């Protein structure tokens, strides 16, 4: 019988760099104009992250983004597409 193969060890934390602070992170939450997505967006914004709030209905998404913005978060509404993320160019434009 051959000797057992050692289990590979995980790289120590921080070896590949440090994680950016929440103020430098961007979260894209789909279906965020109501329900669970809205609450996730609220909590991410409260943690200091920039939140791109995706909704099928742009008006509903912008309304929810304004409501979360009044609570003090950096939230931007965007029109989401069913099962398809927005193009990278659209996300960049939304942030500028």
N, C-alpha and C. Protein backbone atom coordinates (compact mmCIF):
# COMPACT_ATOMS: atom_id res chain seq x y z
N UNK A 1 0.83 -1.18 0.00
CA UNK A 1 0.00 0.00 0.00
C UNK A 1 0.88 1.25 0.00
N UNK A 2 0.56 2.20 -0.85
CA UNK A 2 1.37 3.42 -0.95
C UNK A 2 1.04 4.38 0.20
N UNK A 3 1.99 5.27 0.53
CA UNK A 3 1.76 6.22 1.63
C UNK A 3 0.65 7.21 1.25
N UNK A 4 -0.06 7.73 2.23
CA UNK A 4 -1.15 8.68 1.94
C UNK A 4 -0.61 9.98 1.33
N UNK A 5 -1.40 10.54 0.46
CA UNK A 5 -1.02 11.80 -0.18
C UNK A 5 -1.39 12.94 0.77
N UNK A 6 -0.44 13.84 1.06
CA UNK A 6 -0.76 14.94 2.00
C UNK A 6 -1.79 15.89 1.38
N UNK A 7 -2.67 16.37 2.24
CA UNK A 7 -3.68 17.32 1.80
C UNK A 7 -3.02 18.67 1.52
N UNK A 8 -3.32 19.31 0.39
CA UNK A 8 -2.67 20.60 0.10
C UNK A 8 -3.07 21.66 1.12
N UNK A 9 -2.12 22.46 1.51
CA UNK A 9 -2.38 23.52 2.48
C UNK A 9 -2.86 24.78 1.79
N UNK A 10 -3.69 25.50 2.51
CA UNK A 10 -4.18 26.79 1.98
C UNK A 10 -3.10 27.84 2.14
N UNK A 11 -3.10 28.78 1.22
CA UNK A 11 -2.17 29.90 1.32
C UNK A 11 -2.58 30.77 2.52
N UNK A 12 -1.62 31.30 3.25
CA UNK A 12 -1.98 32.15 4.38
C UNK A 12 -2.72 33.40 3.92
N UNK A 13 -3.61 33.89 4.77
CA UNK A 13 -4.38 35.09 4.44
C UNK A 13 -3.44 36.27 4.21
N UNK A 14 -3.78 37.09 3.25
CA UNK A 14 -2.98 38.28 2.99
C UNK A 14 -1.81 38.04 2.06
N UNK A 15 -1.58 36.82 1.66
CA UNK A 15 -0.45 36.53 0.79
C UNK A 15 -0.62 37.17 -0.58
N UNK A 16 -1.85 37.26 -1.04
CA UNK A 16 -2.11 37.81 -2.37
C UNK A 16 -2.51 39.27 -2.31
N UNK A 17 -2.28 39.93 -1.20
CA UNK A 17 -2.64 41.33 -1.05
C UNK A 17 -3.76 41.48 -0.03
N UNK A 18 -4.01 42.70 0.31
CA UNK A 18 -5.05 42.95 1.30
C UNK A 18 -6.36 43.31 0.60
N UNK A 19 -7.44 43.09 1.29
CA UNK A 19 -8.74 43.44 0.74
C UNK A 19 -8.95 44.94 0.88
N UNK A 20 -9.59 45.56 -0.12
CA UNK A 20 -9.84 47.00 -0.02
C UNK A 20 -10.89 47.28 1.04
N UNK A 21 -10.88 48.48 1.61
CA UNK A 21 -11.91 48.82 2.58
C UNK A 21 -13.28 48.91 1.90
N UNK A 22 -14.37 48.79 2.66
CA UNK A 22 -15.71 48.83 2.06
C UNK A 22 -15.97 50.07 1.21
N UNK A 23 -15.36 51.19 1.56
CA UNK A 23 -15.59 52.42 0.79
C UNK A 23 -15.04 52.33 -0.63
N UNK A 24 -14.16 51.37 -0.91
CA UNK A 24 -13.60 51.19 -2.25
C UNK A 24 -14.20 50.00 -2.98
N UNK A 25 -15.24 49.42 -2.43
CA UNK A 25 -15.88 48.26 -3.06
C UNK A 25 -17.18 48.66 -3.73
N UNK A 26 -17.53 47.92 -4.76
CA UNK A 26 -18.78 48.15 -5.50
C UNK A 26 -19.56 46.85 -5.53
N UNK A 27 -20.84 46.93 -5.19
CA UNK A 27 -21.70 45.75 -5.21
C UNK A 27 -22.80 45.97 -6.23
N UNK A 28 -23.04 44.97 -7.07
CA UNK A 28 -24.13 45.00 -8.03
C UNK A 28 -25.18 44.01 -7.54
N UNK A 29 -26.35 44.53 -7.14
CA UNK A 29 -27.42 43.69 -6.59
C UNK A 29 -28.57 43.71 -7.58
N UNK A 30 -28.94 42.54 -8.09
CA UNK A 30 -30.05 42.48 -9.04
C UNK A 30 -31.35 42.23 -8.28
N UNK A 31 -32.44 42.70 -8.85
CA UNK A 31 -33.74 42.55 -8.21
C UNK A 31 -33.81 43.30 -6.91
N UNK A 32 -33.18 44.46 -6.87
CA UNK A 32 -33.00 45.17 -5.60
C UNK A 32 -34.01 46.29 -5.36
N UNK A 33 -35.05 46.37 -6.15
CA UNK A 33 -36.02 47.44 -5.91
C UNK A 33 -37.06 47.05 -4.86
N UNK A 34 -37.04 45.78 -4.42
CA UNK A 34 -37.99 45.37 -3.38
C UNK A 34 -37.50 44.08 -2.73
N UNK A 35 -38.08 43.76 -1.60
CA UNK A 35 -37.81 42.50 -0.94
C UNK A 35 -36.39 42.30 -0.44
N UNK A 36 -35.92 41.09 -0.62
CA UNK A 36 -34.60 40.70 -0.11
C UNK A 36 -33.48 41.51 -0.77
N UNK A 37 -33.58 41.74 -2.07
CA UNK A 37 -32.56 42.53 -2.77
C UNK A 37 -32.45 43.94 -2.23
N UNK A 38 -33.58 44.54 -1.88
CA UNK A 38 -33.58 45.89 -1.32
C UNK A 38 -32.90 45.90 0.05
N UNK A 39 -33.19 44.90 0.86
CA UNK A 39 -32.58 44.83 2.19
C UNK A 39 -31.08 44.57 2.09
N UNK A 40 -30.65 43.72 1.17
CA UNK A 40 -29.22 43.49 0.96
C UNK A 40 -28.55 44.78 0.53
N UNK A 41 -29.18 45.51 -0.38
CA UNK A 41 -28.63 46.79 -0.83
C UNK A 41 -28.52 47.78 0.33
N UNK A 42 -29.55 47.81 1.17
CA UNK A 42 -29.55 48.72 2.33
C UNK A 42 -28.37 48.40 3.25
N UNK A 43 -28.16 47.13 3.53
CA UNK A 43 -27.09 46.75 4.46
C UNK A 43 -25.70 46.97 3.87
N UNK A 44 -25.55 46.71 2.57
CA UNK A 44 -24.25 46.96 1.92
C UNK A 44 -23.93 48.45 1.91
N UNK A 45 -24.94 49.28 1.62
CA UNK A 45 -24.75 50.73 1.63
C UNK A 45 -24.42 51.22 3.03
N UNK A 46 -25.07 50.65 4.03
CA UNK A 46 -24.80 51.04 5.42
C UNK A 46 -23.38 50.66 5.83
N UNK A 47 -22.84 49.60 5.21
CA UNK A 47 -21.47 49.18 5.50
C UNK A 47 -20.45 50.06 4.78
N UNK A 48 -20.91 50.97 3.93
CA UNK A 48 -20.01 51.90 3.25
C UNK A 48 -19.70 51.57 1.81
N UNK A 49 -20.31 50.53 1.26
CA UNK A 49 -20.05 50.15 -0.12
C UNK A 49 -20.88 50.98 -1.08
N UNK A 50 -20.37 51.15 -2.31
CA UNK A 50 -21.16 51.73 -3.39
C UNK A 50 -22.02 50.62 -3.95
N UNK A 51 -23.32 50.85 -4.08
CA UNK A 51 -24.25 49.82 -4.52
C UNK A 51 -24.89 50.22 -5.84
N UNK A 52 -24.79 49.33 -6.83
CA UNK A 52 -25.52 49.49 -8.09
C UNK A 52 -26.77 48.63 -7.95
N UNK A 53 -27.89 49.28 -7.87
CA UNK A 53 -29.17 48.62 -7.62
C UNK A 53 -29.81 48.28 -8.95
N UNK A 54 -29.89 47.00 -9.28
CA UNK A 54 -30.46 46.57 -10.54
C UNK A 54 -31.93 46.23 -10.42
N UNK A 55 -32.71 46.68 -11.39
CA UNK A 55 -34.15 46.39 -11.40
C UNK A 55 -34.60 46.30 -12.85
N UNK A 56 -35.57 45.45 -13.12
CA UNK A 56 -36.10 45.36 -14.48
C UNK A 56 -36.78 46.66 -14.89
N UNK A 57 -37.49 47.26 -13.93
CA UNK A 57 -38.17 48.52 -14.18
C UNK A 57 -37.26 49.64 -13.69
N UNK A 58 -36.73 50.45 -14.62
CA UNK A 58 -35.78 51.49 -14.28
C UNK A 58 -36.37 52.49 -13.30
N UNK A 59 -37.62 52.89 -13.48
CA UNK A 59 -38.24 53.86 -12.59
C UNK A 59 -38.32 53.33 -11.16
N UNK A 60 -38.68 52.07 -11.01
CA UNK A 60 -38.75 51.46 -9.67
C UNK A 60 -37.36 51.37 -9.04
N UNK A 61 -36.36 51.04 -9.85
CA UNK A 61 -34.99 50.97 -9.35
C UNK A 61 -34.47 52.32 -8.90
N UNK A 62 -34.74 53.35 -9.69
CA UNK A 62 -34.29 54.68 -9.31
C UNK A 62 -35.01 55.18 -8.06
N UNK A 63 -36.28 54.85 -7.94
CA UNK A 63 -37.04 55.24 -6.75
C UNK A 63 -36.46 54.59 -5.50
N UNK A 64 -36.14 53.30 -5.59
CA UNK A 64 -35.54 52.59 -4.45
C UNK A 64 -34.14 53.15 -4.15
N UNK A 65 -33.37 53.48 -5.20
CA UNK A 65 -32.03 54.04 -5.00
C UNK A 65 -32.10 55.39 -4.29
N UNK A 66 -33.07 56.21 -4.67
CA UNK A 66 -33.23 57.52 -4.00
C UNK A 66 -33.60 57.33 -2.53
N UNK A 67 -34.48 56.36 -2.26
CA UNK A 67 -34.87 56.10 -0.87
C UNK A 67 -33.67 55.66 -0.03
N UNK A 68 -32.85 54.78 -0.59
CA UNK A 68 -31.66 54.34 0.14
C UNK A 68 -30.63 55.46 0.23
N UNK A 69 -30.56 56.30 -0.78
CA UNK A 69 -29.65 57.44 -0.74
C UNK A 69 -30.01 58.41 0.38
N UNK A 70 -31.32 58.56 0.63
CA UNK A 70 -31.75 59.43 1.73
C UNK A 70 -31.35 58.86 3.09
N UNK A 71 -31.16 57.56 3.15
CA UNK A 71 -30.71 56.92 4.39
C UNK A 71 -29.20 57.07 4.57
N UNK A 72 -28.53 57.65 3.60
CA UNK A 72 -27.10 57.91 3.73
C UNK A 72 -26.20 57.01 2.92
N UNK A 73 -26.73 56.17 2.07
CA UNK A 73 -25.90 55.27 1.28
C UNK A 73 -25.56 55.83 -0.09
N UNK A 74 -24.49 55.30 -0.68
CA UNK A 74 -24.08 55.65 -2.04
C UNK A 74 -24.68 54.59 -2.96
N UNK A 75 -25.92 54.85 -3.43
CA UNK A 75 -26.67 53.87 -4.19
C UNK A 75 -27.08 54.47 -5.53
N UNK A 76 -26.91 53.70 -6.60
CA UNK A 76 -27.25 54.13 -7.95
C UNK A 76 -28.18 53.11 -8.58
N UNK A 77 -29.27 53.57 -9.15
CA UNK A 77 -30.21 52.68 -9.82
C UNK A 77 -29.75 52.38 -11.23
N UNK A 78 -29.98 51.16 -11.67
CA UNK A 78 -29.66 50.79 -13.05
C UNK A 78 -30.68 49.76 -13.52
N UNK A 79 -30.89 49.71 -14.81
CA UNK A 79 -31.84 48.75 -15.36
C UNK A 79 -31.14 47.42 -15.52
N UNK A 80 -31.69 46.40 -14.90
CA UNK A 80 -31.12 45.07 -15.00
C UNK A 80 -31.79 44.30 -16.13
N UNK A 81 -31.13 43.28 -16.60
CA UNK A 81 -31.70 42.40 -17.61
C UNK A 81 -31.84 41.03 -17.01
N UNK A 82 -32.90 40.36 -17.34
CA UNK A 82 -33.15 39.03 -16.79
C UNK A 82 -32.02 38.08 -17.18
N UNK A 83 -31.35 37.50 -16.17
CA UNK A 83 -30.28 36.52 -16.33
C UNK A 83 -29.09 37.03 -17.14
N UNK A 84 -28.89 38.32 -17.18
CA UNK A 84 -27.74 38.83 -17.91
C UNK A 84 -27.26 40.11 -17.24
N UNK A 85 -25.99 40.18 -16.82
CA UNK A 85 -25.51 41.40 -16.17
C UNK A 85 -25.38 42.54 -17.17
N UNK A 86 -25.39 43.79 -16.70
CA UNK A 86 -25.23 44.90 -17.63
C UNK A 86 -23.82 44.90 -18.21
N UNK A 87 -23.65 45.46 -19.40
CA UNK A 87 -22.32 45.52 -19.98
C UNK A 87 -21.38 46.34 -19.10
N UNK A 88 -20.11 46.00 -19.12
CA UNK A 88 -19.13 46.69 -18.29
C UNK A 88 -19.11 48.19 -18.57
N UNK A 89 -19.31 48.59 -19.82
CA UNK A 89 -19.31 50.00 -20.16
C UNK A 89 -20.45 50.73 -19.46
N UNK A 90 -21.61 50.09 -19.34
CA UNK A 90 -22.75 50.73 -18.69
C UNK A 90 -22.48 50.90 -17.19
N UNK A 91 -21.82 49.93 -16.60
CA UNK A 91 -21.48 50.04 -15.17
C UNK A 91 -20.50 51.18 -14.96
N UNK A 92 -19.52 51.32 -15.83
CA UNK A 92 -18.54 52.40 -15.73
C UNK A 92 -19.20 53.77 -15.88
N UNK A 93 -20.13 53.87 -16.79
CA UNK A 93 -20.85 55.14 -17.01
C UNK A 93 -21.68 55.46 -15.77
N UNK A 94 -22.30 54.46 -15.16
CA UNK A 94 -23.14 54.67 -13.98
C UNK A 94 -22.31 55.20 -12.81
N UNK A 95 -21.04 54.84 -12.76
CA UNK A 95 -20.18 55.27 -11.66
C UNK A 95 -19.57 56.64 -11.88
N UNK A 96 -19.53 57.08 -13.13
CA UNK A 96 -18.85 58.37 -13.38
C UNK A 96 -19.79 59.53 -13.24
